[in-house]
Amino acid sequence: MKVDLSAKDKNVELFHYQDGAFHTEYNRAVTFKSIVAFLKDPKGPPLWEEDPGAKDVVHIDSEKDFRRLLKKEEKPILIIFYSPWCSLCKRTMPHFQKAATQLRGQFVLAGMNLHSSEFENIKEEYGIRSYPTISYFEKGRYLFQYNSYGSTADDIVEWLKNPQPPQPQVPETPWADEGGSVYHLTDEDFGQFVKEHSSVLVMFHAPWCGHCKKMKPEFENAAEVLHGEADSSGVLAAVDATVNRALAERFHISEFPTLKYFKNGEIHAVPTLRTKKSLIEWMRNPEAPPPPEPTWEEQQTNVLHLAGHNFRETLKRKKHTLVMFYAPWCPHCKKVIPHFTAAADVFKDDRKIVCAAVDCVQEKNRDLCQQEAVKAYPTFHYYHYGKFAEKYDSDRTELGFTSFIRTLREGDHERLGKKKEEL
């Protein structure tokens, strides 16, 4: 069937079927590029250009477009080469697109998804070895890279006032190559190590982290003392979280340094330990770890916790569903959870209303969160009988949630009243 997606066809609904079975409703931009990208990878993230905030970024789709931009554009160009799966790219994009808006008419800020193998020539020509790579051009000529990937939009704007090549840095010797009494663990050997050692204190660190560098000698000295004990109290280990990302994600490492204690393979809470003395004393007599707080999902609340396998079918049975997509480690989510839970309590007796939550960090839910275009935490979506209706962007308070839901129910009652009058 051929459909003319013009103004008169705004109510057209698109559904995706895979292997003969319904997969998902298409809820992304109805453009040629977006539909093709979706069909190539139905579980992949939406195109960056679908984000309304990225309207001032020039989105490059082909090598031909890339060459044309360099040849014809007179203004200086800053291009971010990225991959849609790169977490650092995702964190950089909002700042990059905000800078593009601030610099509109003065500079061209462009983005190019270089993940595909068809762009090997560009990768080789401009030395692109990782994502994101941000490159600066003037009059079609590549000058140098912009390497401050933790920058804000204001930092990018300030740098473009006087672009300079990155200063050469003296490479630091990786901590793991310095020797010493600290065991350095990786994604591959971590699990076996904590099984073989009954008492392990692990420091998750980043090479660039100033607090980590300050703590490192204290940690090393404490490890040396413990290593020399006849009846060892345990061992100290370290993980470079910037390299071993699977471990960092598994243990929700969001700041550095972070300490985790493993007793007979089980993880326990650790107090703030930063000095040689405090580390040794605690390892010799670890405080009785408090029982871990129950997760939101484990608590008895009126919030319905959903997973990828039951999400669609459950929502189809409810007229109005407000879903909170979240990550347990997200501070914004932690702040909102009490408000969302309270709103669920208000409507616990209304069979047509449900407040639901999806933990996007869990492996079983990742495909679902990608399909629902969840780019940040928390994200709130409203569904009507399982069909996505709109994104909730109002106040993240109990009053904000309850007001939104009450408006929906008032609309139901008005429609019901009109039907009765017609009868």
Protein backbone atom coordinates (compact mmCIF):
# COMPACT_ATOMS: atom_id res chain seq x y z
CA MET A 1 0.00 0.00 0.00
CA LYS A 2 1.33 3.46 -0.89
CA VAL A 3 0.52 6.22 1.60
CA ASP A 4 0.85 9.94 0.94
CA LEU A 5 2.10 11.26 4.28
CA SER A 6 0.82 14.77 3.67
CA ALA A 7 -1.25 16.94 5.96
CA LYS A 8 -4.42 14.95 5.30
CA ASP A 9 -2.70 11.72 6.42
CA LYS A 10 -1.47 12.86 9.83
CA ASN A 11 -3.47 10.12 11.54
CA VAL A 12 -1.75 7.28 9.67
CA GLU A 13 -0.44 4.62 12.06
CA LEU A 14 2.64 2.56 11.17
CA PHE A 15 3.30 -0.86 12.69
CA HIS A 16 6.42 -2.99 12.37
CA TYR A 17 6.23 -6.75 11.95
CA GLN A 18 9.26 -8.99 12.30
CA ASP A 19 9.38 -12.69 11.38
CA GLY A 20 5.63 -12.62 10.80
CA ALA A 21 4.76 -11.24 14.25
CA PHE A 22 3.95 -7.75 15.52
CA HIS A 23 7.08 -6.11 16.87
CA THR A 24 6.34 -2.49 17.70
CA GLU A 25 4.44 0.61 16.70
CA TYR A 26 6.55 3.06 14.71
CA ASN A 27 6.67 6.25 16.78
CA ARG A 28 9.65 8.03 15.28
CA ALA A 29 9.84 10.79 12.67
CA VAL A 30 7.90 9.98 9.49
CA THR A 31 10.70 10.83 7.06
CA PHE A 32 12.44 8.75 4.43
CA LYS A 33 15.74 8.71 6.33
CA SER A 34 14.18 7.84 9.69
CA ILE A 35 12.05 5.02 8.29
CA VAL A 36 15.01 3.54 6.38
CA ALA A 37 17.22 3.75 9.50
CA PHE A 38 14.49 2.06 11.53
CA LEU A 39 14.08 -0.77 9.02
CA LYS A 40 17.83 -1.35 8.97
CA ASP A 41 17.90 -1.57 12.77
CA PRO A 42 14.44 -1.63 14.42
CA LYS A 43 15.99 -1.81 17.88
CA GLY A 44 18.48 0.98 17.27
CA PRO A 45 18.22 4.52 18.64
CA PRO A 46 16.47 7.30 16.67
CA LEU A 47 18.53 9.47 14.37
CA TRP A 48 20.17 12.41 16.10
CA GLU A 49 18.42 14.83 13.73
CA GLU A 50 15.05 13.68 15.11
CA ASP A 51 15.88 15.53 18.33
CA PRO A 52 14.26 19.00 18.06
CA GLY A 53 17.19 20.47 19.99
CA ALA A 54 19.58 19.43 17.22
CA LYS A 55 17.95 21.54 14.51
CA ASP A 56 21.01 23.81 14.22
CA VAL A 57 23.44 20.91 13.78
CA VAL A 58 24.24 20.09 10.16
CA HIS A 59 23.64 16.34 9.86
CA ILE A 60 25.94 14.67 7.31
CA ASP A 61 24.72 11.39 5.80
CA SER A 62 27.28 10.46 3.17
CA GLU A 63 30.88 10.93 2.15
CA LYS A 64 29.63 12.97 -0.80
CA ASP A 65 27.80 15.37 1.54
CA PHE A 66 30.89 15.56 3.74
CA ARG A 67 33.15 16.52 0.81
CA ARG A 68 30.60 19.03 -0.48
CA LEU A 69 30.36 20.75 2.91
CA LEU A 70 34.14 21.12 3.17
CA LYS A 71 34.38 22.46 -0.37
CA LYS A 72 31.56 25.00 -0.31
CA GLU A 73 31.31 26.22 3.29
CA GLU A 74 33.13 29.49 3.98
CA LYS A 75 32.54 29.53 7.73
CA PRO A 76 34.75 27.50 10.09
CA ILE A 77 33.40 24.00 10.70
CA LEU A 78 33.45 21.84 13.83
CA ILE A 79 32.39 18.24 13.14
CA ILE A 80 31.64 15.57 15.71
CA PHE A 81 32.19 12.09 14.31
CA TYR A 82 30.15 9.70 16.42
CA SER A 83 28.55 6.30 16.76
CA PRO A 84 24.90 6.01 17.87
CA TRP A 85 25.88 3.39 20.49
CA CYS A 86 28.68 5.47 22.09
CA SER A 87 27.73 6.55 25.64
CA LEU A 88 30.26 9.41 25.66
CA CYS A 89 28.81 10.62 22.34
CA LYS A 90 25.34 10.68 23.88
CA ARG A 91 26.58 12.77 26.81
CA THR A 92 28.40 15.17 24.46
CA MET A 93 25.57 15.68 21.95
CA PRO A 94 23.28 17.93 24.06
CA HIS A 95 26.16 20.36 24.71
CA PHE A 96 27.26 20.25 21.09
CA GLN A 97 23.79 21.02 19.74
CA LYS A 98 23.30 23.84 22.27
CA ALA A 99 26.60 25.36 21.11
CA ALA A 100 25.40 25.02 17.49
CA THR A 101 22.37 27.14 18.33
CA GLN A 102 24.43 29.78 20.11
CA LEU A 103 26.89 30.01 17.20
CA ARG A 104 24.35 29.89 14.37
CA GLY A 105 25.50 32.10 11.49
CA GLN A 106 29.09 32.32 12.80
CA PHE A 107 30.25 28.71 12.68
CA VAL A 108 28.95 25.45 11.28
CA LEU A 109 28.64 22.66 13.83
CA ALA A 110 28.02 19.35 12.11
CA GLY A 111 27.53 15.73 13.10
CA MET A 112 28.31 12.56 11.17
CA ASN A 113 27.53 9.00 12.20
CA LEU A 114 30.74 7.23 11.20
CA HIS A 115 29.79 3.83 12.62
CA SER A 116 29.21 2.22 9.21
CA SER A 117 32.08 0.48 7.43
CA GLU A 118 31.40 2.55 4.29
CA PHE A 119 33.23 5.47 5.92
CA GLU A 120 36.58 3.74 6.37
CA ASN A 121 38.21 6.23 3.96
CA ILE A 122 37.23 9.19 6.15
CA LYS A 123 38.35 7.41 9.32
CA GLU A 124 41.74 6.68 7.80
CA GLU A 125 42.18 10.13 6.26
CA TYR A 126 41.48 12.02 9.48
CA GLY A 127 42.90 9.54 12.00
CA ILE A 128 39.58 8.73 13.64
CA ARG A 129 40.24 5.86 16.06
CA SER A 130 37.54 6.35 18.67
CA TYR A 131 34.19 8.04 19.30
CA PRO A 132 33.51 10.81 19.59
CA THR A 133 36.21 12.52 17.55
CA ILE A 134 35.65 16.27 17.14
CA SER A 135 37.57 17.89 14.29
CA TYR A 136 38.03 21.55 13.33
CA PHE A 137 38.17 22.75 9.69
CA GLU A 138 38.75 26.12 8.05
CA LYS A 139 38.10 26.72 4.34
CA GLY A 140 37.82 22.99 3.76
CA ARG A 141 41.15 22.22 5.40
CA TYR A 142 41.45 20.04 8.51
CA LEU A 143 43.47 21.81 11.21
CA PHE A 144 43.24 19.84 14.46
CA GLN A 145 41.00 18.03 16.92
CA TYR A 146 39.04 19.39 19.86
CA ASN A 147 39.73 16.95 22.69
CA SER A 148 37.83 18.36 25.68
CA TYR A 149 35.00 15.83 25.63
CA GLY A 150 33.66 16.78 29.05
CA SER A 151 33.00 20.33 27.86
CA THR A 152 29.77 22.24 28.20
CA ALA A 153 28.22 24.27 25.39
CA ASP A 154 29.81 27.40 26.85
CA ASP A 155 33.24 25.71 26.79
CA ILE A 156 32.84 24.89 23.10
CA VAL A 157 31.70 28.43 22.30
CA GLU A 158 34.65 29.89 24.22
CA TRP A 159 37.16 27.59 22.48
CA LEU A 160 35.88 28.57 19.04
CA LYS A 161 36.67 32.22 19.78
CA ASN A 162 40.34 31.27 19.45
CA PRO A 163 40.73 27.64 18.27
CA GLN A 164 44.04 26.10 19.29
CA PRO A 165 45.49 22.61 18.76
CA PRO A 166 45.50 20.36 21.82
CA GLN A 167 48.59 20.70 23.93
CA PRO A 168 50.87 17.65 23.79
CA GLN A 169 50.67 15.70 27.00
CA VAL A 170 53.36 13.59 28.54
CA PRO A 171 51.81 10.13 28.67
CA GLU A 172 51.34 8.84 32.19
CA THR A 173 52.41 5.35 33.11
CA PRO A 174 49.24 3.34 33.75
CA TRP A 175 48.85 2.48 37.40
CA ALA A 176 48.70 -1.22 36.51
CA ASP A 177 52.21 -0.95 34.99
CA GLU A 178 53.81 0.65 38.04
CA GLY A 179 54.00 -2.54 40.08
CA GLY A 180 53.18 -2.61 43.79
CA SER A 181 50.89 -4.63 46.06
CA VAL A 182 47.55 -3.60 44.55
CA TYR A 183 45.94 -6.15 42.24
CA HIS A 184 44.69 -4.63 38.98
CA LEU A 185 41.54 -6.31 37.71
CA THR A 186 39.76 -6.29 34.36
CA ASP A 187 36.37 -7.19 32.93
CA GLU A 188 37.72 -10.64 32.17
CA ASP A 189 39.33 -11.68 35.47
CA PHE A 190 37.30 -9.75 38.06
CA GLY A 191 34.70 -12.42 38.79
CA GLN A 192 37.22 -15.22 39.28
CA PHE A 193 39.41 -13.03 41.50
CA VAL A 194 36.68 -12.12 44.02
CA LYS A 195 35.68 -15.79 44.16
CA GLU A 196 39.22 -16.84 45.02
CA HIS A 197 39.78 -14.13 47.67
CA SER A 198 37.44 -14.01 50.65
CA SER A 199 38.05 -10.32 51.47
CA VAL A 200 38.64 -7.79 48.69
CA LEU A 201 38.41 -3.99 48.75
CA VAL A 202 38.20 -2.62 45.20
CA MET A 203 38.91 0.95 44.16
CA PHE A 204 37.23 1.98 40.91
CA HIS A 205 39.26 4.84 39.45
CA ALA A 206 39.88 6.95 36.36
CA PRO A 207 43.39 7.95 35.19
CA TRP A 208 42.41 11.64 34.91
CA CYS A 209 40.70 11.83 38.32
CA GLY A 210 42.52 14.15 40.73
CA HIS A 211 40.95 12.58 43.83
CA CYS A 212 42.07 9.16 42.60
CA LYS A 213 45.65 10.36 42.14
CA LYS A 214 45.64 11.78 45.66
CA MET A 215 44.31 8.55 47.13
CA LYS A 216 46.52 6.19 45.09
CA PRO A 217 49.66 6.33 47.31
CA GLU A 218 47.52 5.81 50.43
CA PHE A 219 45.86 2.81 48.78
CA GLU A 220 49.21 1.40 47.63
CA ASN A 221 50.80 1.79 51.07
CA ALA A 222 47.84 0.14 52.77
CA ALA A 223 48.00 -2.75 50.28
CA GLU A 224 51.69 -3.24 51.01
CA VAL A 225 51.05 -3.48 54.76
CA LEU A 226 48.17 -5.94 54.33
CA HIS A 227 50.18 -7.96 51.82
CA GLY A 228 52.96 -8.40 54.36
CA GLU A 229 50.74 -9.67 57.18
CA ALA A 230 51.15 -13.30 58.15
CA ASP A 231 47.41 -13.65 58.70
CA SER A 232 46.15 -11.38 55.94
CA SER A 233 43.00 -9.36 56.53
CA GLY A 234 42.36 -9.23 52.81
CA VAL A 235 43.65 -7.69 49.61
CA LEU A 236 43.25 -4.36 47.86
CA ALA A 237 42.46 -4.25 44.15
CA ALA A 238 41.87 -1.54 41.57
CA VAL A 239 39.81 -1.27 38.39
CA ASP A 240 40.31 1.38 35.72
CA ALA A 241 36.64 2.14 35.08
CA THR A 242 37.39 4.04 31.87
CA VAL A 243 38.80 0.88 30.28
CA ASN A 244 36.73 -1.82 31.98
CA ARG A 245 33.35 -0.32 31.20
CA ALA A 246 31.37 -3.52 31.70
CA LEU A 247 32.39 -3.55 35.37
CA ALA A 248 31.74 0.17 35.76
CA GLU A 249 28.24 -0.27 34.38
CA ARG A 250 27.57 -3.43 36.36
CA PHE A 251 28.36 -1.72 39.67
CA HIS A 252 26.84 1.65 38.67
CA ILE A 253 30.09 3.60 39.03
CA SER A 254 29.20 7.26 38.52
CA GLU A 255 31.99 9.03 40.42
CA PHE A 256 35.65 8.49 41.25
CA PRO A 257 37.12 7.06 43.32
CA THR A 258 34.43 4.56 44.37
CA LEU A 259 35.16 1.74 46.82
CA LYS A 260 33.34 -1.60 46.80
CA TYR A 261 33.96 -4.38 49.33
CA PHE A 262 33.50 -8.07 48.49
CA LYS A 263 33.18 -10.67 51.24
CA ASN A 264 33.11 -14.23 49.92
CA GLY A 265 32.06 -12.86 46.56
CA GLU A 266 29.16 -10.79 47.95
CA ILE A 267 29.24 -7.00 47.63
CA HIS A 268 28.85 -4.82 50.73
CA ALA A 269 28.71 -1.13 51.53
CA VAL A 270 31.90 0.71 52.46
CA PRO A 271 32.30 3.90 54.53
CA THR A 272 34.42 6.78 53.25
CA LEU A 273 38.04 5.57 53.40
CA ARG A 274 40.80 7.73 51.99
CA THR A 275 43.94 7.30 54.14
CA LYS A 276 46.36 4.43 54.65
CA LYS A 277 45.39 4.18 58.33
CA SER A 278 41.63 4.12 57.74
CA LEU A 279 41.98 1.55 54.96
CA ILE A 280 44.09 -0.83 57.08
CA GLU A 281 41.92 -0.47 60.18
CA TRP A 282 38.74 -1.11 58.26
CA MET A 283 40.13 -4.17 56.45
CA ARG A 284 41.30 -5.65 59.77
CA ASN A 285 37.88 -5.21 61.29
CA PRO A 286 35.26 -4.50 58.61
CA GLU A 287 32.17 -2.93 60.05
CA ALA A 288 29.20 -5.21 59.95
CA PRO A 289 27.75 -4.18 56.62
CA PRO A 290 24.20 -2.92 56.89
CA PRO A 291 21.66 -4.96 54.96
CA PRO A 292 21.31 -3.51 51.48
CA GLU A 293 18.34 -1.24 51.08
CA PRO A 294 15.60 -2.84 48.99
CA THR A 295 15.45 -1.60 45.43
CA TRP A 296 12.42 0.38 44.33
CA GLU A 297 11.16 -2.72 42.56
CA GLU A 298 11.52 -4.80 45.74
CA GLN A 299 9.53 -2.36 47.85
CA GLN A 300 5.79 -2.76 48.36
CA THR A 301 4.31 0.20 46.49
CA ASN A 302 1.48 0.85 44.06
CA VAL A 303 3.91 1.45 41.21
CA LEU A 304 3.76 -1.37 38.67
CA HIS A 305 7.27 -2.44 37.63
CA LEU A 306 7.35 -3.69 34.05
CA ALA A 307 9.89 -5.53 31.92
CA GLY A 308 10.42 -5.92 28.22
CA HIS A 309 8.56 -9.22 28.02
CA ASN A 310 5.30 -7.98 29.59
CA PHE A 311 5.34 -4.26 28.80
CA ARG A 312 3.05 -4.22 25.75
CA GLU A 313 0.47 -6.71 26.94
CA THR A 314 0.17 -5.09 30.37
CA LEU A 315 -0.32 -1.58 29.00
CA LYS A 316 -2.99 -2.71 26.53
CA ARG A 317 -5.20 -3.63 29.51
CA LYS A 318 -5.03 -0.15 31.06
CA LYS A 319 -6.72 2.95 29.67
CA HIS A 320 -4.18 5.42 31.07
CA THR A 321 -0.59 4.54 31.95
CA LEU A 322 2.17 6.94 32.96
CA VAL A 323 5.53 5.17 32.69
CA MET A 324 8.77 6.30 34.31
CA PHE A 325 11.88 5.00 32.54
CA TYR A 326 14.76 5.24 35.00
CA ALA A 327 18.21 4.08 36.12
CA PRO A 328 18.73 3.13 39.79
CA TRP A 329 21.98 5.10 40.02
CA CYS A 330 20.50 8.30 38.54
CA PRO A 331 20.29 11.09 41.18
CA HIS A 332 17.40 12.80 39.37
CA CYS A 333 15.48 9.51 39.41
CA LYS A 334 16.10 9.04 43.13
CA LYS A 335 14.69 12.49 43.76
CA VAL A 336 11.55 11.84 41.71
CA ILE A 337 10.77 8.31 42.93
CA PRO A 338 8.98 9.38 46.17
CA HIS A 339 6.76 11.80 44.22
CA PHE A 340 5.92 9.24 41.54
CA THR A 341 5.21 6.60 44.19
CA ALA A 342 2.90 8.99 46.05
CA ALA A 343 1.01 9.68 42.83
CA ALA A 344 0.55 5.95 42.32
CA ASP A 345 -0.92 5.72 45.82
CA VAL A 346 -3.52 8.38 44.98
CA PHE A 347 -4.91 6.33 42.08
CA LYS A 348 -4.45 2.83 43.52
CA ASP A 349 -8.23 2.18 43.51
CA ASP A 350 -8.82 3.37 39.94
CA ARG A 351 -8.69 0.30 37.70
CA LYS A 352 -8.20 2.38 34.55
CA ILE A 353 -5.09 4.16 35.86
CA VAL A 354 -1.63 2.81 36.50
CA CYS A 355 1.72 4.40 37.27
CA ALA A 356 4.44 2.08 35.98
CA ALA A 357 8.23 2.02 35.97
CA VAL A 358 10.93 0.40 33.83
CA ASP A 359 14.53 -0.04 35.01
CA CYS A 360 16.49 0.63 31.80
CA VAL A 361 19.76 -0.62 33.29
CA GLN A 362 18.54 -4.21 33.48
CA GLU A 363 19.64 -6.24 30.49
CA LYS A 364 16.12 -7.57 29.90
CA ASN A 365 14.80 -4.01 29.46
CA ARG A 366 17.47 -2.43 27.26
CA ASP A 367 15.83 -3.24 23.95
CA LEU A 368 12.54 -1.84 25.25
CA CYS A 369 14.14 1.42 26.37
CA GLN A 370 15.86 1.80 23.00
CA GLN A 371 12.58 1.18 21.18
CA GLU A 372 10.87 3.82 23.32
CA ALA A 373 13.63 6.33 22.46
CA VAL A 374 14.73 6.81 26.07
CA LYS A 375 17.80 9.04 25.91
CA ALA A 376 17.94 10.40 29.45
CA TYR A 377 16.78 9.50 32.95
CA PRO A 378 14.14 9.82 34.08
CA THR A 379 11.90 9.89 31.00
CA PHE A 380 8.10 9.84 31.33
CA HIS A 381 5.76 8.54 28.62
CA TYR A 382 1.97 8.46 28.67
CA TYR A 383 0.23 5.50 26.99
CA HIS A 384 -3.44 5.07 26.10
CA TYR A 385 -4.40 1.38 26.01
CA GLY A 386 -0.77 0.55 25.30
CA LYS A 387 -0.33 3.08 22.54
CA PHE A 388 2.21 5.86 23.05
CA ALA A 389 0.31 9.15 23.24
CA GLU A 390 2.75 11.80 24.44
CA LYS A 391 5.86 12.55 26.43
CA TYR A 392 5.22 13.95 29.91
CA ASP A 393 7.32 17.08 30.44
CA SER A 394 5.48 18.80 33.30
CA ASP A 395 6.47 19.10 36.96
CA ARG A 396 8.11 16.01 38.40
CA THR A 397 6.25 16.29 41.68
CA GLU A 398 3.31 14.44 43.20
CA LEU A 399 1.08 17.41 42.34
CA GLY A 400 2.35 17.52 38.76
CA PHE A 401 1.73 13.79 38.20
CA THR A 402 -1.68 13.73 39.89
CA SER A 403 -2.87 16.86 38.05
CA PHE A 404 -1.91 15.32 34.72
CA ILE A 405 -3.74 12.07 35.47
CA ARG A 406 -6.83 13.84 36.87
CA THR A 407 -7.09 15.82 33.63
CA LEU A 408 -7.21 12.53 31.73
CA ARG A 409 -9.95 11.15 33.95
CA GLU A 410 -11.97 14.36 33.75
CA GLY A 411 -11.87 14.02 29.98
CA ASP A 412 -13.17 10.46 30.32
CA HIS A 413 -16.06 11.62 32.48
CA GLU A 414 -16.96 14.43 30.07
CA ARG A 415 -17.06 12.04 27.13
CA LEU A 416 -19.14 9.57 29.14
CA GLY A 417 -21.58 12.37 30.09
CA LYS A 418 -22.01 13.39 26.47
CA LYS A 419 -22.75 9.80 25.45
CA LYS A 420 -25.43 9.53 28.12
CA GLU A 421 -27.02 12.78 26.93
CA GLU A 422 -27.09 11.47 23.37
CA LEU A 423 -28.91 8.34 24.58
